[in-house]
Amino acid sequence: MSSATSHPARAASFIKNLDRAHWHDQALWFVRSKRDKAASTLPEWEELRERASQIKQYTMSHLADLLEQFERNATKTGATVHWAKDAAEHNRIVLKLLKDHRVKKLVKSKSMLTEECHLNPHLEAHGIEVIDTDLGEWIVQLRKEPPSHIVMPAIHTKREEIGELFHEKIGTEKGATDPQYLAEAARQELRRQFLSADAGLTGVNFAIAETGGFVVCTNEGNADLGVSLPRLHIASMGIEKLIPRAKDLGFFLRLLARSATGQPITAYSSHFHGPRDEKSELHIVLVDNGRSELLGSPDFRRSLNCIRCGACMNTCPVYRRTGGHSYDATIPGPIGSILNPAMNIQKYESLPYACSLCGSCTDVCPVKINLHEQLYTFRQRVANKGLLSPVKSLGMKVGGFVLKSDRLYALSGKIGRLALRWLPRWAIYNPLNPWGRQRDLPPAPQESFRDMYRRRSEKKE
């Protein structure tokens, strides 16, 4: 990743607007707080997390067999299953299905997989109109932006900006900012799109090997509307979305909404088992796109347990302050800082460093992915591949040299304390110290921990 497109460079652009950065931080922390309150209402919360983690680990260790079982059972329900090794093959399959059915307009529910595959521009380049029907997704589509969050795609956008956008695109009143008014205007416009669509596409939250069915979770009912009117339903599914049995589903539905938005459950949890009638078709596209390679990595395979709740983003102090677009990736935040470098470490080498290693992401993950440990391990991989920036490499070498010597360590501490006390502020906080642009060091202590420990030990004697 070039310095101009690295996470630090993009983050610097976002936090130039201090009001927006603060508002973004508070908005996401509010959602995180709702998650904590929802979790606290369930005495069995930690047991749910543990069971879900075990189910996903079992799934990943038996993935090939479970995928074949899912294909057999989905076919029995009347669905057609397609296999795509990568994003390009996924896009070719979807395009062929749409052309075979002479589709001119496709309505989509939210699908991070299609964002990952860049499906929209591919279809639009072949003359097919694509409408994202999740409200947040539709907003960022109108703004010609990618989502900045996997659950709340337009969380970076203020209602005043949405009001201006809707006035320009769908003719709402100029200056309107009332959320209810704007949501109703969007509802009416999207209803027209649903009625005129030729096909519907959904993502998949959970697929069940035992039944061949799958579940799509939404809060707006747009997935149901999108596939209830057209005769063609396409479901794009990453192969990691599988769970073994129908009775396993309850664990994940109880965890997903509480972790994502603090709700007991999503407003709509829609179950699909084959086409809705004899005149309709259901096509399920199973997509690998690097997942098998990640599955083969002992250090990072647990990242495939992710159920895309976004809780790690809502708690991450780095993501909250720098926004999703600073990651320049389909999936931002802590989980994205693992998944994206795993697929292209050269492009995303800066993302494992967009982390304070505080461990909060691991604490809130509903399937107990050891996110901060994986990010630390990825830093080692970046360094081993020679992708670490010269500044970081030099800093680590100097730090290692100092830390190997007790005397140098003690001397550097004394120099640092004296510098903080006596140097003028401009000598510490200046353009050569990017760390200090939005941070202040605490006051320098009068003595080191070693000196304090020695003094107290002498008193005891």
Protein backbone atom coordinates (compact mmCIF):
# COMPACT_ATOMS: atom_id res chain seq x y z
CA MET A 1 0.00 0.00 0.00
CA SER A 2 1.47 3.35 -0.97
CA SER A 3 1.89 6.00 1.70
CA ALA A 4 -0.92 8.04 0.13
CA THR A 5 -3.42 5.18 0.45
CA SER A 6 -2.19 3.69 3.73
CA HIS A 7 -4.44 3.64 6.78
CA PRO A 8 -2.54 6.46 8.54
CA ALA A 9 -2.86 8.74 5.51
CA ARG A 10 -6.58 8.07 5.07
CA ALA A 11 -7.16 8.35 8.82
CA ALA A 12 -5.44 11.75 8.87
CA SER A 13 -7.90 12.93 6.23
CA PHE A 14 -10.89 11.77 8.29
CA ILE A 15 -9.80 13.27 11.60
CA LYS A 16 -9.08 16.68 10.08
CA ASN A 17 -12.75 17.31 10.75
CA LEU A 18 -12.60 17.06 14.54
CA ASP A 19 -16.34 17.50 14.99
CA ARG A 20 -17.09 14.59 12.66
CA ALA A 21 -14.44 12.39 14.23
CA HIS A 22 -15.86 13.06 17.72
CA TRP A 23 -19.45 12.53 16.58
CA HIS A 24 -18.51 9.26 14.82
CA ASP A 25 -16.74 8.05 17.95
CA GLN A 26 -19.72 8.80 20.19
CA ALA A 27 -22.27 7.30 17.81
CA LEU A 28 -20.47 3.98 17.68
CA TRP A 29 -19.79 3.93 21.41
CA PHE A 30 -23.54 4.42 21.96
CA VAL A 31 -24.17 1.25 19.93
CA ARG A 32 -21.46 -0.57 21.87
CA SER A 33 -23.15 0.47 25.13
CA LYS A 34 -26.47 -0.92 23.87
CA ARG A 35 -24.68 -4.21 23.15
CA ASP A 36 -23.44 -4.37 26.74
CA LYS A 37 -26.91 -3.72 28.15
CA ALA A 38 -28.44 -6.38 25.90
CA ALA A 39 -25.79 -8.92 26.86
CA SER A 40 -26.26 -8.21 30.56
CA THR A 41 -29.91 -9.29 30.35
CA LEU A 42 -28.87 -12.86 29.53
CA PRO A 43 -27.23 -14.78 32.39
CA GLU A 44 -26.20 -17.40 29.83
CA TRP A 45 -24.44 -14.87 27.54
CA GLU A 46 -20.96 -16.31 27.96
CA GLU A 47 -22.29 -19.83 27.49
CA LEU A 48 -23.93 -18.73 24.23
CA ARG A 49 -20.61 -17.29 23.02
CA GLU A 50 -18.75 -20.46 23.91
CA ARG A 51 -21.28 -22.74 22.20
CA ALA A 52 -21.32 -20.58 19.07
CA SER A 53 -17.53 -20.59 18.98
CA GLN A 54 -17.44 -24.37 19.26
CA ILE A 55 -20.05 -24.78 16.52
CA LYS A 56 -18.09 -22.57 14.13
CA GLN A 57 -14.83 -24.33 14.91
CA TYR A 58 -16.50 -27.67 14.23
CA THR A 59 -17.89 -26.29 10.98
CA MET A 60 -14.50 -25.07 9.78
CA SER A 61 -12.86 -28.41 10.59
CA HIS A 62 -15.56 -30.28 8.61
CA LEU A 63 -16.25 -27.62 5.99
CA ALA A 64 -15.83 -29.72 2.84
CA ASP A 65 -18.26 -32.42 4.02
CA LEU A 66 -20.79 -29.88 5.30
CA LEU A 67 -20.72 -27.91 2.04
CA GLU A 68 -21.47 -31.06 0.07
CA GLN A 69 -24.28 -31.90 2.50
CA PHE A 70 -25.68 -28.40 2.07
CA GLU A 71 -25.56 -28.70 -1.73
CA ARG A 72 -27.40 -32.05 -1.67
CA ASN A 73 -30.13 -30.79 0.62
CA ALA A 74 -30.51 -27.43 -1.12
CA THR A 75 -30.87 -29.23 -4.45
CA LYS A 76 -33.60 -31.44 -2.95
CA THR A 77 -35.59 -28.30 -2.10
CA GLY A 78 -35.44 -27.21 -5.74
CA ALA A 79 -32.60 -24.70 -5.50
CA THR A 80 -29.68 -24.68 -7.93
CA VAL A 81 -26.22 -24.47 -6.33
CA HIS A 82 -23.25 -22.89 -8.10
CA TRP A 83 -19.60 -22.91 -6.98
CA ALA A 84 -17.34 -19.89 -7.49
CA LYS A 85 -13.63 -20.08 -6.72
CA ASP A 86 -13.17 -16.31 -6.73
CA ALA A 87 -14.90 -12.95 -7.16
CA ALA A 88 -14.58 -12.99 -10.95
CA GLU A 89 -16.31 -16.36 -11.23
CA HIS A 90 -19.05 -15.24 -8.85
CA ASN A 91 -19.70 -12.18 -11.00
CA ARG A 92 -19.75 -14.24 -14.20
CA ILE A 93 -22.28 -16.68 -12.72
CA VAL A 94 -24.59 -13.89 -11.53
CA LEU A 95 -24.33 -12.01 -14.83
CA LYS A 96 -25.14 -15.14 -16.85
CA LEU A 97 -28.18 -15.88 -14.71
CA LEU A 98 -29.45 -12.32 -15.16
CA LYS A 99 -28.84 -12.35 -18.91
CA ASP A 100 -30.49 -15.75 -19.30
CA HIS A 101 -33.59 -14.30 -17.61
CA ARG A 102 -33.37 -11.00 -19.54
CA VAL A 103 -33.08 -9.00 -16.35
CA LYS A 104 -32.77 -5.24 -16.72
CA LYS A 105 -33.15 -4.23 -13.06
CA LEU A 106 -31.85 -6.08 -9.99
CA VAL A 107 -32.78 -5.22 -6.40
CA LYS A 108 -30.34 -6.28 -3.72
CA SER A 109 -30.52 -6.64 0.01
CA LYS A 110 -27.33 -5.89 1.92
CA SER A 111 -24.52 -8.28 1.03
CA MET A 112 -20.93 -7.63 2.05
CA LEU A 113 -19.89 -10.50 -0.19
CA THR A 114 -21.12 -8.72 -3.32
CA GLU A 115 -19.26 -5.63 -2.12
CA GLU A 116 -16.17 -7.81 -1.76
CA CYS A 117 -16.67 -9.10 -5.31
CA HIS A 118 -17.44 -5.60 -6.69
CA LEU A 119 -20.60 -6.99 -8.27
CA ASN A 120 -22.44 -3.69 -8.77
CA PRO A 121 -19.96 -2.07 -11.20
CA HIS A 122 -19.59 -5.38 -13.04
CA LEU A 123 -23.33 -5.64 -13.68
CA GLU A 124 -23.71 -1.94 -14.47
CA ALA A 125 -20.94 -2.23 -17.06
CA HIS A 126 -23.14 -4.82 -18.80
CA GLY A 127 -26.25 -2.64 -18.83
CA ILE A 128 -28.03 -3.97 -15.74
CA GLU A 129 -29.42 -1.46 -13.25
CA VAL A 130 -28.62 -2.39 -9.65
CA ILE A 131 -30.51 -0.94 -6.68
CA ASP A 132 -29.29 -1.54 -3.12
CA THR A 133 -32.41 -1.63 -0.98
CA ASP A 134 -30.99 -1.53 2.54
CA LEU A 135 -31.43 2.14 3.49
CA GLY A 136 -27.82 2.64 4.52
CA GLU A 137 -26.52 0.81 1.45
CA TRP A 138 -28.81 2.85 -0.78
CA ILE A 139 -27.53 6.09 0.75
CA VAL A 140 -23.87 5.23 0.10
CA GLN A 141 -24.78 3.98 -3.39
CA LEU A 142 -26.37 7.35 -4.17
CA ARG A 143 -23.27 9.04 -2.77
CA LYS A 144 -21.09 6.78 -4.93
CA GLU A 145 -19.22 5.57 -1.85
CA PRO A 146 -18.49 2.14 -0.40
CA PRO A 147 -20.03 1.23 2.98
CA SER A 148 -18.03 2.43 5.98
CA HIS A 149 -19.45 -0.19 8.38
CA ILE A 150 -20.73 -3.71 7.76
CA VAL A 151 -23.98 -3.23 9.72
CA MET A 152 -24.46 0.55 9.53
CA PRO A 153 -23.08 1.39 6.07
CA ALA A 154 -23.81 5.13 6.27
CA ILE A 155 -22.84 5.72 9.91
CA HIS A 156 -20.26 8.29 8.76
CA THR A 157 -22.99 10.44 7.18
CA LYS A 158 -24.96 13.09 9.06
CA ARG A 159 -28.67 13.55 8.53
CA GLU A 160 -28.11 17.03 7.07
CA GLU A 161 -26.01 15.44 4.33
CA ILE A 162 -28.65 12.76 3.75
CA GLY A 163 -31.31 15.48 3.49
CA GLU A 164 -29.29 17.28 0.81
CA LEU A 165 -28.69 13.99 -1.01
CA PHE A 166 -32.39 13.05 -1.05
CA HIS A 167 -33.36 16.54 -2.19
CA GLU A 168 -30.98 16.19 -5.13
CA LYS A 169 -31.80 12.56 -6.02
CA ILE A 170 -35.47 12.01 -5.18
CA GLY A 171 -36.86 15.53 -4.77
CA THR A 172 -37.49 15.78 -1.03
CA GLU A 173 -37.95 19.21 0.56
CA LYS A 174 -34.81 21.31 0.57
CA GLY A 175 -33.22 21.49 4.02
CA ALA A 176 -35.27 18.58 5.41
CA THR A 177 -33.47 16.74 8.21
CA ASP A 178 -36.27 14.96 10.07
CA PRO A 179 -35.32 11.25 10.14
CA GLN A 180 -38.93 10.05 9.93
CA TYR A 181 -39.64 12.21 6.89
CA LEU A 182 -36.44 11.14 5.12
CA ALA A 183 -37.01 7.46 5.92
CA GLU A 184 -40.57 7.62 4.58
CA ALA A 185 -39.37 9.30 1.37
CA ALA A 186 -36.80 6.55 0.93
CA ARG A 187 -39.45 3.90 1.62
CA GLN A 188 -41.73 5.22 -1.10
CA GLU A 189 -38.91 5.48 -3.63
CA LEU A 190 -37.60 2.00 -2.89
CA ARG A 191 -41.12 0.55 -3.08
CA ARG A 192 -41.26 1.71 -6.70
CA GLN A 193 -37.95 -0.02 -7.33
CA PHE A 194 -39.21 -3.28 -5.80
CA LEU A 195 -42.32 -3.24 -7.98
CA SER A 196 -40.35 -2.77 -11.20
CA ALA A 197 -37.48 -5.19 -10.53
CA ASP A 198 -36.86 -8.27 -12.67
CA ALA A 199 -34.78 -10.19 -10.10
CA GLY A 200 -33.75 -10.08 -6.45
CA LEU A 201 -30.41 -10.82 -4.84
CA THR A 202 -29.73 -11.42 -1.16
CA GLY A 203 -26.75 -12.22 0.95
CA VAL A 204 -26.78 -15.09 3.43
CA ASN A 205 -26.32 -14.72 7.18
CA PHE A 206 -26.50 -18.42 8.01
CA ALA A 207 -26.84 -21.53 5.84
CA ILE A 208 -27.80 -24.86 7.38
CA ALA A 209 -26.15 -28.00 6.04
CA GLU A 210 -28.78 -30.28 7.56
CA THR A 211 -31.71 -28.67 5.71
CA GLY A 212 -30.20 -26.95 2.67
CA GLY A 213 -31.94 -23.74 3.73
CA PHE A 214 -30.53 -20.35 4.65
CA VAL A 215 -31.45 -17.33 6.74
CA VAL A 216 -31.25 -13.63 5.90
CA CYS A 217 -31.49 -11.11 8.77
CA THR A 218 -32.70 -7.55 8.14
CA ASN A 219 -34.39 -4.79 10.10
CA GLU A 220 -36.25 -3.31 7.13
CA GLY A 221 -37.81 -6.32 5.42
CA ASN A 222 -36.10 -5.37 2.18
CA ALA A 223 -34.78 -8.89 1.56
CA ASP A 224 -38.32 -10.29 1.70
CA LEU A 225 -39.70 -7.63 -0.64
CA GLY A 226 -36.80 -7.98 -3.04
CA VAL A 227 -37.31 -11.69 -3.63
CA SER A 228 -41.08 -12.02 -3.15
CA LEU A 229 -42.05 -10.17 -6.33
CA PRO A 230 -39.56 -11.28 -9.03
CA ARG A 231 -39.38 -14.89 -10.18
CA LEU A 232 -35.60 -15.07 -9.87
CA HIS A 233 -33.84 -15.10 -6.48
CA ILE A 234 -30.03 -15.25 -6.34
CA ALA A 235 -28.31 -15.78 -2.98
CA SER A 236 -24.60 -14.97 -2.76
CA MET A 237 -22.94 -16.84 0.08
CA GLY A 238 -19.40 -17.06 1.41
CA ILE A 239 -18.59 -20.68 2.21
CA GLU A 240 -17.88 -19.78 5.85
CA LYS A 241 -21.54 -18.86 6.49
CA LEU A 242 -22.43 -22.50 7.08
CA ILE A 243 -23.62 -24.10 10.33
CA PRO A 244 -24.26 -27.83 10.70
CA ARG A 245 -27.80 -28.19 12.13
CA ALA A 246 -31.06 -26.31 12.38
CA LYS A 247 -30.92 -26.42 16.18
CA ASP A 248 -27.60 -24.54 16.06
CA LEU A 249 -29.28 -21.50 14.55
CA GLY A 250 -30.79 -20.29 17.82
CA PHE A 251 -27.39 -19.60 19.36
CA PHE A 252 -26.40 -17.32 16.50
CA LEU A 253 -29.69 -15.45 16.19
CA ARG A 254 -29.56 -14.60 19.90
CA LEU A 255 -25.98 -13.37 19.58
CA LEU A 256 -26.11 -11.55 16.25
CA ALA A 257 -28.57 -8.72 16.86
CA ARG A 258 -27.51 -8.12 20.46
CA SER A 259 -23.87 -7.82 19.37
CA ALA A 260 -24.65 -5.68 16.33
CA THR A 261 -27.20 -3.13 17.54
CA GLY A 262 -28.29 -4.16 21.04
CA GLN A 263 -31.60 -5.62 19.82
CA PRO A 264 -32.95 -8.95 21.15
CA ILE A 265 -33.31 -10.10 17.53
CA THR A 266 -33.44 -8.56 14.08
CA ALA A 267 -36.89 -7.42 12.98
CA TYR A 268 -36.90 -9.95 10.14
CA SER A 269 -35.14 -13.33 10.22
CA SER A 270 -36.24 -14.78 6.88
CA HIS A 271 -35.84 -18.49 6.13
CA PHE A 272 -35.52 -19.72 2.55
CA HIS A 273 -35.88 -23.36 1.53
CA GLY A 274 -36.03 -23.61 -2.24
CA PRO A 275 -37.99 -21.48 -4.74
CA ARG A 276 -41.24 -20.02 -3.49
CA ASP A 277 -43.34 -21.73 -6.21
CA GLU A 278 -43.06 -23.84 -9.35
CA LYS A 279 -42.62 -20.80 -11.61
CA SER A 280 -39.77 -19.31 -9.57
CA GLU A 281 -36.07 -20.10 -9.35
CA LEU A 282 -33.60 -19.97 -6.48
CA HIS A 283 -29.88 -19.97 -7.28
CA ILE A 284 -27.29 -20.15 -4.49
CA VAL A 285 -23.73 -19.11 -5.37
CA LEU A 286 -21.12 -20.51 -2.96
CA VAL A 287 -18.01 -18.34 -3.03
CA ASP A 288 -14.49 -19.19 -1.88
CA ASN A 289 -12.43 -16.14 -2.89
CA GLY A 290 -9.47 -16.89 -0.64
CA ARG A 291 -11.38 -18.48 2.23
CA SER A 292 -9.89 -21.95 1.69
CA GLU A 293 -6.41 -20.48 1.90
CA LEU A 294 -7.31 -18.73 5.14
CA LEU A 295 -8.79 -21.98 6.44
CA GLY A 296 -5.40 -23.63 5.91
CA SER A 297 -3.68 -21.09 8.18
CA PRO A 298 -3.53 -22.22 11.85
CA ASP A 299 -2.88 -18.63 12.96
CA PHE A 300 -5.85 -17.03 11.20
CA ARG A 301 -8.51 -19.66 10.45
CA ARG A 302 -10.61 -18.60 13.45
CA SER A 303 -11.30 -15.31 11.67
CA LEU A 304 -13.64 -17.34 9.41
CA ASN A 305 -15.93 -17.78 12.43
CA CYS A 306 -17.03 -14.15 11.98
CA ILE A 307 -20.81 -13.64 11.76
CA ARG A 308 -20.48 -10.01 10.56
CA CYS A 309 -22.10 -8.35 13.56
CA GLY A 310 -19.74 -5.36 13.57
CA ALA A 311 -19.27 -5.40 17.36
CA CYS A 312 -15.49 -5.24 16.99
CA MET A 313 -15.85 -2.02 14.99
CA ASN A 314 -18.19 -0.43 17.52
CA THR A 315 -15.72 -0.98 20.34
CA CYS A 316 -12.42 -0.38 18.51
CA PRO A 317 -10.89 2.97 19.61
CA VAL A 318 -9.01 3.23 16.30
CA TYR A 319 -11.96 2.49 14.02
CA ARG A 320 -14.29 4.76 16.00
CA ARG A 321 -11.94 7.71 15.60
CA THR A 322 -10.79 7.17 12.02
CA GLY A 323 -13.88 5.88 10.18
CA GLY A 324 -14.37 2.89 7.95
CA HIS A 325 -13.14 4.47 4.72
CA SER A 326 -9.65 4.91 6.20
CA TYR A 327 -9.18 1.14 5.80
CA ASP A 328 -9.71 1.27 2.02
CA ALA A 329 -11.29 -2.19 2.20
CA THR A 330 -14.69 -3.85 1.92
CA ILE A 331 -14.60 -4.93 5.56
CA PRO A 332 -12.93 -2.37 7.85
CA GLY A 333 -12.14 -2.48 11.55
CA PRO A 334 -10.38 -5.23 13.50
CA ILE A 335 -11.81 -8.18 11.56
CA GLY A 336 -11.08 -6.42 8.27
CA SER A 337 -7.51 -5.83 9.40
CA ILE A 338 -7.12 -9.62 9.39
CA LEU A 339 -9.24 -10.67 6.41
CA ASN A 340 -7.89 -8.11 3.95
CA PRO A 341 -4.15 -8.64 4.53
CA ALA A 342 -4.81 -12.38 4.46
CA MET A 343 -5.95 -11.99 0.86
CA ASN A 344 -3.45 -9.30 -0.20
CA ILE A 345 -0.75 -8.52 2.31
CA GLN A 346 1.13 -6.18 -0.04
CA LYS A 347 -1.90 -3.94 -0.49
CA TYR A 348 -3.07 -3.98 3.12
CA GLU A 349 0.21 -4.19 5.04
CA SER A 350 -0.66 -1.12 7.14
CA LEU A 351 -3.96 -2.49 8.51
CA PRO A 352 -2.57 -4.80 11.24
CA TYR A 353 -0.97 -1.66 12.70
CA ALA A 354 -4.35 0.13 12.85
CA CYS A 355 -4.78 -1.43 16.27
CA SER A 356 -3.90 -0.49 19.84
CA LEU A 357 -3.84 -4.18 20.91
CA CYS A 358 -6.24 -3.25 23.72
CA GLY A 359 -8.14 -6.52 23.25
CA SER A 360 -11.60 -4.94 23.39
CA CYS A 361 -12.53 -6.48 20.02
CA THR A 362 -11.79 -9.97 21.36
CA ASP A 363 -13.84 -9.25 24.49
CA VAL A 364 -17.01 -8.36 22.55
CA CYS A 365 -16.77 -10.87 19.69
CA PRO A 366 -19.85 -13.12 19.94
CA VAL A 367 -17.95 -16.13 18.54
CA LYS A 368 -14.80 -15.48 20.59
CA ILE A 369 -12.36 -14.79 17.75
CA ASN A 370 -8.97 -13.89 19.25
CA LEU A 371 -8.80 -10.77 17.12
CA HIS A 372 -6.07 -8.80 18.85
CA GLU A 373 -3.81 -11.85 19.04
CA GLN A 374 -4.23 -12.46 15.31
CA LEU A 375 -3.47 -8.80 14.57
CA TYR A 376 -0.28 -9.04 16.63
CA THR A 377 0.69 -12.19 14.73
CA PHE A 378 0.01 -10.46 11.41
CA ARG A 379 2.43 -7.70 12.35
CA GLN A 380 5.13 -10.34 12.61
CA ARG A 381 4.17 -11.66 9.18
CA VAL A 382 4.36 -8.16 7.68
CA ALA A 383 7.81 -7.66 9.19
CA ASN A 384 9.03 -11.10 8.05
CA LYS A 385 8.01 -10.30 4.48
CA GLY A 386 10.03 -7.09 4.54
CA LEU A 387 6.93 -4.90 4.19
CA LEU A 388 7.46 -2.86 7.34
CA SER A 389 8.13 0.82 6.64
CA PRO A 390 11.72 2.01 7.19
CA VAL A 391 10.58 4.35 9.98
CA LYS A 392 8.93 1.50 11.91
CA SER A 393 11.86 -0.85 11.24
CA LEU A 394 14.36 1.70 12.55
CA GLY A 395 12.20 2.43 15.58
CA MET A 396 11.95 -1.27 16.44
CA LYS A 397 15.72 -1.73 16.10
CA VAL A 398 16.46 1.24 18.33
CA GLY A 399 13.85 0.10 20.84
CA GLY A 400 15.23 -3.43 20.86
CA PHE A 401 18.77 -2.16 21.38
CA VAL A 402 17.69 0.00 24.35
CA LEU A 403 15.52 -2.68 25.96
CA LYS A 404 18.35 -5.21 25.88
CA SER A 405 20.41 -3.08 28.25
CA ASP A 406 19.33 -2.29 31.83
CA ARG A 407 21.59 0.76 31.92
CA LEU A 408 20.39 2.18 28.60
CA TYR A 409 16.78 1.58 29.61
CA ALA A 410 17.24 3.40 32.92
CA LEU A 411 19.16 6.24 31.24
CA SER A 412 16.53 6.69 28.51
CA GLY A 413 13.83 6.92 31.18
CA LYS A 414 15.71 9.67 33.01
CA ILE A 415 16.31 11.60 29.79
CA GLY A 416 12.63 11.24 28.83
CA ARG A 417 11.42 12.54 32.21
CA LEU A 418 13.76 15.50 32.07
CA ALA A 419 12.76 16.29 28.49
CA LEU A 420 9.05 16.28 29.33
CA ARG A 421 9.61 18.58 32.28
CA TRP A 422 12.04 21.09 30.79
CA LEU A 423 11.70 21.16 27.00
CA PRO A 424 9.28 23.73 25.52
CA ARG A 425 6.07 22.26 24.16
CA TRP A 426 6.94 22.99 20.52
CA ALA A 427 10.05 20.82 20.82
CA ILE A 428 7.89 17.75 21.56
CA TYR A 429 4.63 18.48 19.72
CA ASN A 430 5.63 19.43 16.19
CA PRO A 431 5.20 18.09 12.63
CA LEU A 432 8.02 15.60 13.25
CA ASN A 433 5.88 13.90 15.90
CA PRO A 434 2.65 12.77 14.19
CA TRP A 435 1.68 10.79 17.29
CA GLY A 436 1.28 14.04 19.21
CA ARG A 437 -1.12 15.71 16.81
CA GLN A 438 -4.16 14.65 18.83
CA ARG A 439 -2.58 13.29 21.99
CA ASP A 440 -0.82 14.71 25.02
CA LEU A 441 1.59 12.72 27.12
CA PRO A 442 0.76 12.54 30.84
CA PRO A 443 2.86 14.64 33.21
CA ALA A 444 6.32 13.17 33.77
CA PRO A 445 6.65 11.36 37.12
CA GLN A 446 9.18 12.67 39.61
CA GLU A 447 10.85 9.28 39.86
CA SER A 448 10.93 6.04 37.94
CA PHE A 449 9.21 2.86 39.10
CA ARG A 450 12.65 1.38 39.83
CA ASP A 451 13.58 4.31 42.08
CA MET A 452 10.24 4.15 43.88
CA TYR A 453 10.54 0.39 44.37
CA ARG A 454 14.11 0.73 45.68
CA ARG A 455 13.12 3.50 48.09
CA ARG A 456 10.16 1.57 49.51
CA SER A 457 12.21 -1.58 49.84
CA GLU A 458 14.85 0.29 51.82
CA LYS A 459 12.19 1.64 54.17
CA LYS A 460 10.90 -1.84 54.88
CA GLU A 461 14.38 -3.01 55.80
